[in-house]
Amino acid sequence: MDHTPRWQKSTFSDGGEGDTCVELTVASAHLISLRESDTPTAVLTTTTGPMTHLLRAIATGRLTQRRP
């Protein structure tokens, strides 16, 4: 059985083959791994709960930097 991660690029990446995107993969039933394509050996792994909260915050604009 092949256990090589299948990384998925963000839909916000430029679509090219360059190293300008964030990638995700399912590490196990409850773990998700993230990496930036220009540093593929640096992998951040988290559980589905915090990842869901992060994606919702991004989608709703709650992570947008507010200006004074």
PDB file of N, CA and C in Angstrom:
ATOM      1  N   MET A   1       0.845  -1.188   0.000  1.00  0.00           N
ATOM      2  CA  MET A   1       0.000   0.000   0.000  1.00  0.00           C
ATOM      3  C   MET A   1       0.886   1.247   0.000  1.00  0.00           C
ATOM      4  N   ASP A   2       0.553   2.221  -0.818  1.00  0.00           N
ATOM      5  CA  ASP A   2       1.315   3.457  -0.943  1.00  0.00           C
ATOM      6  C   ASP A   2       0.890   4.440   0.150  1.00  0.00           C
ATOM      7  N   HIS A   3       1.845   4.861   0.998  1.00  0.00           N
ATOM      8  CA  HIS A   3       1.553   5.812   2.078  1.00  0.00           C
ATOM      9  C   HIS A   3       2.127   7.201   1.789  1.00  0.00           C
ATOM     10  N   THR A   4       2.436   7.472   0.533  1.00  0.00           N
ATOM     11  CA  THR A   4       2.940   8.781   0.144  1.00  0.00           C
ATOM     12  C   THR A   4       1.821   9.806   0.262  1.00  0.00           C
ATOM     13  N   PRO A   5       2.065  10.914   0.990  1.00  0.00           N
ATOM     14  CA  PRO A   5       0.999  11.930   1.111  1.00  0.00           C
ATOM     15  C   PRO A   5       0.621  12.507  -0.252  1.00  0.00           C
ATOM     16  N   ARG A   6      -0.652  12.775  -0.427  1.00  0.00           N
ATOM     17  CA  ARG A   6      -1.154  13.418  -1.647  1.00  0.00           C
ATOM     18  C   ARG A   6      -1.479  14.861  -1.282  1.00  0.00           C
ATOM     19  N   TRP A   7      -0.560  15.746  -1.571  1.00  0.00           N
ATOM     20  CA  TRP A   7      -0.707  17.152  -1.224  1.00  0.00           C
ATOM     21  C   TRP A   7      -1.659  17.831  -2.192  1.00  0.00           C
ATOM     22  N   GLN A   8      -2.533  18.669  -1.658  1.00  0.00           N
ATOM     23  CA  GLN A   8      -3.495  19.417  -2.469  1.00  0.00           C
ATOM     24  C   GLN A   8      -3.174  20.898  -2.338  1.00  0.00           C
ATOM     25  N   LYS A   9      -3.049  21.560  -3.473  1.00  0.00           N
ATOM     26  CA  LYS A   9      -2.751  22.996  -3.477  1.00  0.00           C
ATOM     27  C   LYS A   9      -3.991  23.809  -3.142  1.00  0.00           C
ATOM     28  N   SER A  10      -3.771  24.936  -2.530  1.00  0.00           N
ATOM     29  CA  SER A  10      -4.846  25.877  -2.255  1.00  0.00           C
ATOM     30  C   SER A  10      -5.434  26.390  -3.558  1.00  0.00           C
ATOM     31  N   THR A  11      -6.724  26.646  -3.552  1.00  0.00           N
ATOM     32  CA  THR A  11      -7.358  27.219  -4.743  1.00  0.00           C
ATOM     33  C   THR A  11      -6.928  28.666  -4.957  1.00  0.00           C
ATOM     34  N   PHE A  12      -6.286  29.278  -3.962  1.00  0.00           N
ATOM     35  CA  PHE A  12      -5.810  30.645  -4.094  1.00  0.00           C
ATOM     36  C   PHE A  12      -4.390  30.724  -4.635  1.00  0.00           C
ATOM     37  N   SER A  13      -3.761  29.587  -4.918  1.00  0.00           N
ATOM     38  CA  SER A  13      -2.422  29.625  -5.484  1.00  0.00           C
ATOM     39  C   SER A  13      -2.506  30.076  -6.926  1.00  0.00           C
ATOM     40  N   ASP A  14      -1.367  30.482  -7.469  1.00  0.00           N
ATOM     41  CA  ASP A  14      -1.386  31.078  -8.812  1.00  0.00           C
ATOM     42  C   ASP A  14      -1.619  30.076  -9.925  1.00  0.00           C
ATOM     43  N   GLY A  15      -1.688  28.788  -9.600  1.00  0.00           N
ATOM     44  CA  GLY A  15      -1.986  27.791 -10.608  1.00  0.00           C
ATOM     45  C   GLY A  15      -0.788  27.301 -11.383  1.00  0.00           C
ATOM     46  N   GLY A  16       0.347  27.958 -11.185  1.00  0.00           N
ATOM     47  CA  GLY A  16       1.548  27.520 -11.891  1.00  0.00           C
ATOM     48  C   GLY A  16       2.236  26.384 -11.162  1.00  0.00           C
ATOM     49  N   GLU A  17       3.330  25.973 -11.717  1.00  0.00           N
ATOM     50  CA  GLU A  17       4.097  24.890 -11.102  1.00  0.00           C
ATOM     51  C   GLU A  17       5.136  25.435 -10.138  1.00  0.00           C
ATOM     52  N   GLY A  18       5.136  26.730  -9.898  1.00  0.00           N
ATOM     53  CA  GLY A  18       6.106  27.340  -9.006  1.00  0.00           C
ATOM     54  C   GLY A  18       5.829  27.018  -7.552  1.00  0.00           C
ATOM     55  N   ASP A  19       6.634  27.607  -6.691  1.00  0.00           N
ATOM     56  CA  ASP A  19       6.509  27.342  -5.269  1.00  0.00           C
ATOM     57  C   ASP A  19       5.845  28.529  -4.566  1.00  0.00           C
ATOM     58  N   THR A  20       4.588  28.770  -4.905  1.00  0.00           N
ATOM     59  CA  THR A  20       3.876  29.934  -4.378  1.00  0.00           C
ATOM     60  C   THR A  20       2.533  29.554  -3.776  1.00  0.00           C
ATOM     61  N   CYS A  21       2.471  28.431  -3.073  1.00  0.00           N
ATOM     62  CA  CYS A  21       1.167  28.047  -2.563  1.00  0.00           C
ATOM     63  C   CYS A  21       1.273  27.278  -1.249  1.00  0.00           C
ATOM     64  N   VAL A  22       0.140  27.171  -0.597  1.00  0.00           N
ATOM     65  CA  VAL A  22      -0.012  26.358   0.599  1.00  0.00           C
ATOM     66  C   VAL A  22      -0.637  25.047   0.158  1.00  0.00           C
ATOM     67  N   GLU A  23      -0.161  23.952   0.740  1.00  0.00           N
ATOM     68  CA  GLU A  23      -0.677  22.634   0.392  1.00  0.00           C
ATOM     69  C   GLU A  23      -1.172  21.927   1.649  1.00  0.00           C
ATOM     70  N   LEU A  24      -2.200  21.109   1.495  1.00  0.00           N
ATOM     71  CA  LEU A  24      -2.776  20.329   2.595  1.00  0.00           C
ATOM     72  C   LEU A  24      -2.796  18.858   2.226  1.00  0.00           C
ATOM     73  N   THR A  25      -2.739  18.014   3.256  1.00  0.00           N
ATOM     74  CA  THR A  25      -2.940  16.579   3.066  1.00  0.00           C
ATOM     75  C   THR A  25      -3.566  16.004   4.328  1.00  0.00           C
ATOM     76  N   VAL A  26      -4.317  14.955   4.186  1.00  0.00           N
ATOM     77  CA  VAL A  26      -4.888  14.265   5.337  1.00  0.00           C
ATOM     78  C   VAL A  26      -3.819  13.291   5.817  1.00  0.00           C
ATOM     79  N   ALA A  27      -3.332  13.522   7.055  1.00  0.00           N
ATOM     80  CA  ALA A  27      -2.270  12.680   7.606  1.00  0.00           C
ATOM     81  C   ALA A  27      -2.845  11.397   8.200  1.00  0.00           C
ATOM     82  N   SER A  28      -4.025  11.490   8.795  1.00  0.00           N
ATOM     83  CA  SER A  28      -4.730  10.329   9.349  1.00  0.00           C
ATOM     84  C   SER A  28      -6.187  10.738   9.524  1.00  0.00           C
ATOM     85  N   ALA A  29      -6.973   9.916  10.180  1.00  0.00           N
ATOM     86  CA  ALA A  29      -8.411  10.186  10.321  1.00  0.00           C
ATOM     87  C   ALA A  29      -8.705  11.538  10.968  1.00  0.00           C
ATOM     88  N   HIS A  30      -7.854  11.998  11.883  1.00  0.00           N
ATOM     89  CA  HIS A  30      -8.129  13.248  12.601  1.00  0.00           C
ATOM     90  C   HIS A  30      -7.003  14.264  12.484  1.00  0.00           C
ATOM     91  N   LEU A  31      -6.046  14.019  11.622  1.00  0.00           N
ATOM     92  CA  LEU A  31      -4.909  14.923  11.487  1.00  0.00           C
ATOM     93  C   LEU A  31      -4.799  15.463  10.067  1.00  0.00           C
ATOM     94  N   ILE A  32      -4.486  16.747   9.971  1.00  0.00           N
ATOM     95  CA  ILE A  32      -4.280  17.410   8.688  1.00  0.00           C
ATOM     96  C   ILE A  32      -2.898  18.042   8.722  1.00  0.00           C
ATOM     97  N   SER A  33      -2.148  17.887   7.656  1.00  0.00           N
ATOM     98  CA  SER A  33      -0.820  18.487   7.562  1.00  0.00           C
ATOM     99  C   SER A  33      -0.843  19.603   6.532  1.00  0.00           C
ATOM    100  N   LEU A  34      -0.070  20.644   6.808  1.00  0.00           N
ATOM    101  CA  LEU A  34       0.045  21.801   5.925  1.00  0.00           C
ATOM    102  C   LEU A  34       1.519  22.052   5.650  1.00  0.00           C
ATOM    103  N   ARG A  35       1.800  22.575   4.490  1.00  0.00           N
ATOM    104  CA  ARG A  35       3.158  23.001   4.168  1.00  0.00           C
ATOM    105  C   ARG A  35       3.087  24.112   3.137  1.00  0.00           C
ATOM    106  N   GLU A  36       4.141  24.879   3.074  1.00  0.00           N
ATOM    107  CA  GLU A  36       4.283  25.892   2.025  1.00  0.00           C
ATOM    108  C   GLU A  36       5.165  25.270   0.961  1.00  0.00           C
ATOM    109  N   SER A  37       4.788  25.389  -0.274  1.00  0.00           N
ATOM    110  CA  SER A  37       5.486  24.659  -1.327  1.00  0.00           C
ATOM    111  C   SER A  37       6.946  25.062  -1.499  1.00  0.00           C
ATOM    112  N   ASP A  38       7.336  26.264  -1.066  1.00  0.00           N
ATOM    113  CA  ASP A  38       8.744  26.628  -1.208  1.00  0.00           C
ATOM    114  C   ASP A  38       9.606  26.053  -0.082  1.00  0.00           C
ATOM    115  N   THR A  39       8.989  25.496   0.969  1.00  0.00           N
ATOM    116  CA  THR A  39       9.711  24.787   2.034  1.00  0.00           C
ATOM    117  C   THR A  39       8.964  23.497   2.356  1.00  0.00           C
ATOM    118  N   PRO A  40       8.956  22.524   1.432  1.00  0.00           N
ATOM    119  CA  PRO A  40       8.139  21.326   1.587  1.00  0.00           C
ATOM    120  C   PRO A  40       8.535  20.416   2.740  1.00  0.00           C
ATOM    121  N   THR A  41       9.731  20.586   3.292  1.00  0.00           N
ATOM    122  CA  THR A  41      10.127  19.734   4.413  1.00  0.00           C
ATOM    123  C   THR A  41       9.632  20.266   5.744  1.00  0.00           C
ATOM    124  N   ALA A  42       9.178  21.503   5.794  1.00  0.00           N
ATOM    125  CA  ALA A  42       8.614  22.089   7.016  1.00  0.00           C
ATOM    126  C   ALA A  42       7.109  21.850   6.994  1.00  0.00           C
ATOM    127  N   VAL A  43       6.649  20.898   7.792  1.00  0.00           N
ATOM    128  CA  VAL A  43       5.248  20.490   7.789  1.00  0.00           C
ATOM    129  C   VAL A  43       4.637  20.777   9.145  1.00  0.00           C
ATOM    130  N   LEU A  44       3.479  21.395   9.142  1.00  0.00           N
ATOM    131  CA  LEU A  44       2.705  21.661  10.355  1.00  0.00           C
ATOM    132  C   LEU A  44       1.537  20.691  10.368  1.00  0.00           C
ATOM    133  N   THR A  45       1.369  19.957  11.463  1.00  0.00           N
ATOM    134  CA  THR A  45       0.263  19.006  11.576  1.00  0.00           C
ATOM    135  C   THR A  45      -0.645  19.431  12.714  1.00  0.00           C
ATOM    136  N   THR A  46      -1.939  19.398  12.475  1.00  0.00           N
ATOM    137  CA  THR A  46      -2.932  19.799  13.469  1.00  0.00           C
ATOM    138  C   THR A  46      -4.133  18.863  13.378  1.00  0.00           C
ATOM    139  N   THR A  47      -5.017  18.983  14.345  1.00  0.00           N
ATOM    140  CA  THR A  47      -6.240  18.184  14.309  1.00  0.00           C
ATOM    141  C   THR A  47      -7.302  18.922  13.506  1.00  0.00           C
ATOM    142  N   THR A  48      -8.382  18.237  13.215  1.00  0.00           N
ATOM    143  CA  THR A  48      -9.413  18.820  12.364  1.00  0.00           C
ATOM    144  C   THR A  48     -10.133  20.000  13.014  1.00  0.00           C
ATOM    145  N   GLY A  49     -10.287  20.007  14.340  1.00  0.00           N
ATOM    146  CA  GLY A  49     -10.988  21.103  15.016  1.00  0.00           C
ATOM    147  C   GLY A  49     -10.332  22.459  14.808  1.00  0.00           C
ATOM    148  N   PRO A  50      -9.052  22.625  15.188  1.00  0.00           N
ATOM    149  CA  PRO A  50      -8.389  23.906  14.967  1.00  0.00           C
ATOM    150  C   PRO A  50      -8.309  24.296  13.489  1.00  0.00           C
ATOM    151  N   MET A  51      -8.155  23.308  12.623  1.00  0.00           N
ATOM    152  CA  MET A  51      -8.098  23.608  11.190  1.00  0.00           C
ATOM    153  C   MET A  51      -9.430  24.161  10.703  1.00  0.00           C
ATOM    154  N   THR A  52     -10.521  23.579  11.174  1.00  0.00           N
ATOM    155  CA  THR A  52     -11.852  24.067  10.819  1.00  0.00           C
ATOM    156  C   THR A  52     -12.038  25.500  11.277  1.00  0.00           C
ATOM    157  N   HIS A  53     -11.625  25.811  12.498  1.00  0.00           N
ATOM    158  CA  HIS A  53     -11.743  27.175  13.021  1.00  0.00           C
ATOM    159  C   HIS A  53     -10.888  28.149  12.205  1.00  0.00           C
ATOM    160  N   LEU A  54      -9.679  27.738  11.841  1.00  0.00           N
ATOM    161  CA  LEU A  54      -8.812  28.594  11.034  1.00  0.00           C
ATOM    162  C   LEU A  54      -9.439  28.887   9.681  1.00  0.00           C
ATOM    163  N   LEU A  55      -9.935  27.854   9.001  1.00  0.00           N
ATOM    164  CA  LEU A  55     -10.533  28.056   7.681  1.00  0.00           C
ATOM    165  C   LEU A  55     -11.786  28.923   7.745  1.00  0.00           C
ATOM    166  N   ARG A  56     -12.588  28.756   8.786  1.00  0.00           N
ATOM    167  CA  ARG A  56     -13.775  29.610   8.941  1.00  0.00           C
ATOM    168  C   ARG A  56     -13.373  31.064   9.181  1.00  0.00           C
ATOM    169  N   ALA A  57     -12.338  31.275   9.988  1.00  0.00           N
ATOM    170  CA  ALA A  57     -11.865  32.643  10.245  1.00  0.00           C
ATOM    171  C   ALA A  57     -11.345  33.289   8.966  1.00  0.00           C
ATOM    172  N   ILE A  58     -10.629  32.524   8.165  1.00  0.00           N
ATOM    173  CA  ILE A  58     -10.133  33.056   6.887  1.00  0.00           C
ATOM    174  C   ILE A  58     -11.300  33.378   5.961  1.00  0.00           C
ATOM    175  N   ALA A  59     -12.244  32.454   5.853  1.00  0.00           N
ATOM    176  CA  ALA A  59     -13.374  32.625   4.936  1.00  0.00           C
ATOM    177  C   ALA A  59     -14.261  33.808   5.310  1.00  0.00           C
ATOM    178  N   THR A  60     -14.379  34.102   6.598  1.00  0.00           N
ATOM    179  CA  THR A  60     -15.244  35.194   7.036  1.00  0.00           C
ATOM    180  C   THR A  60     -14.502  36.519   7.192  1.00  0.00           C
ATOM    181  N   GLY A  61     -13.185  36.508   6.940  1.00  0.00           N
ATOM    182  CA  GLY A  61     -12.434  37.746   7.021  1.00  0.00           C
ATOM    183  C   GLY A  61     -11.999  38.131   8.424  1.00  0.00           C
ATOM    184  N   ARG A  62     -12.150  37.258   9.379  1.00  0.00           N
ATOM    185  CA  ARG A  62     -11.765  37.589  10.756  1.00  0.00           C
ATOM    186  C   ARG A  62     -10.269  37.673  10.943  1.00  0.00           C
ATOM    187  N   LEU A  63      -9.495  37.199   9.999  1.00  0.00           N
ATOM    188  CA  LEU A  63      -8.038  37.267  10.109  1.00  0.00           C
ATOM    189  C   LEU A  63      -7.465  38.449   9.321  1.00  0.00           C
ATOM    190  N   THR A  64      -8.319  39.227   8.725  1.00  0.00           N
ATOM    191  CA  THR A  64      -7.867  40.399   7.988  1.00  0.00           C
ATOM    192  C   THR A  64      -7.298  41.412   8.958  1.00  0.00           C
ATOM    193  N   GLN A  65      -6.125  41.927   8.640  1.00  0.00           N
ATOM    194  CA  GLN A  65      -5.489  42.890   9.517  1.00  0.00           C
ATOM    195  C   GLN A  65      -6.304  44.180   9.556  1.00  0.00           C
ATOM    196  N   ARG A  66      -6.591  44.607  10.752  1.00  0.00           N
ATOM    197  CA  ARG A  66      -7.353  45.855  10.912  1.00  0.00           C
ATOM    198  C   ARG A  66      -6.397  47.012  11.043  1.00  0.00           C
ATOM    199  N   ARG A  67      -6.735  48.070  10.392  1.00  0.00           N
ATOM    200  CA  ARG A  67      -5.883  49.274  10.444  1.00  0.00           C
ATOM    201  C   ARG A  67      -6.398  50.229  11.487  1.00  0.00           C
ATOM    202  N   PRO A  68      -5.489  50.855  12.224  1.00  0.00           N
ATOM    203  CA  PRO A  68      -5.912  51.824  13.268  1.00  0.00           C
ATOM    204  C   PRO A  68      -6.550  53.062  12.698  1.00  0.00           C
TER     205      PRO A  68
END
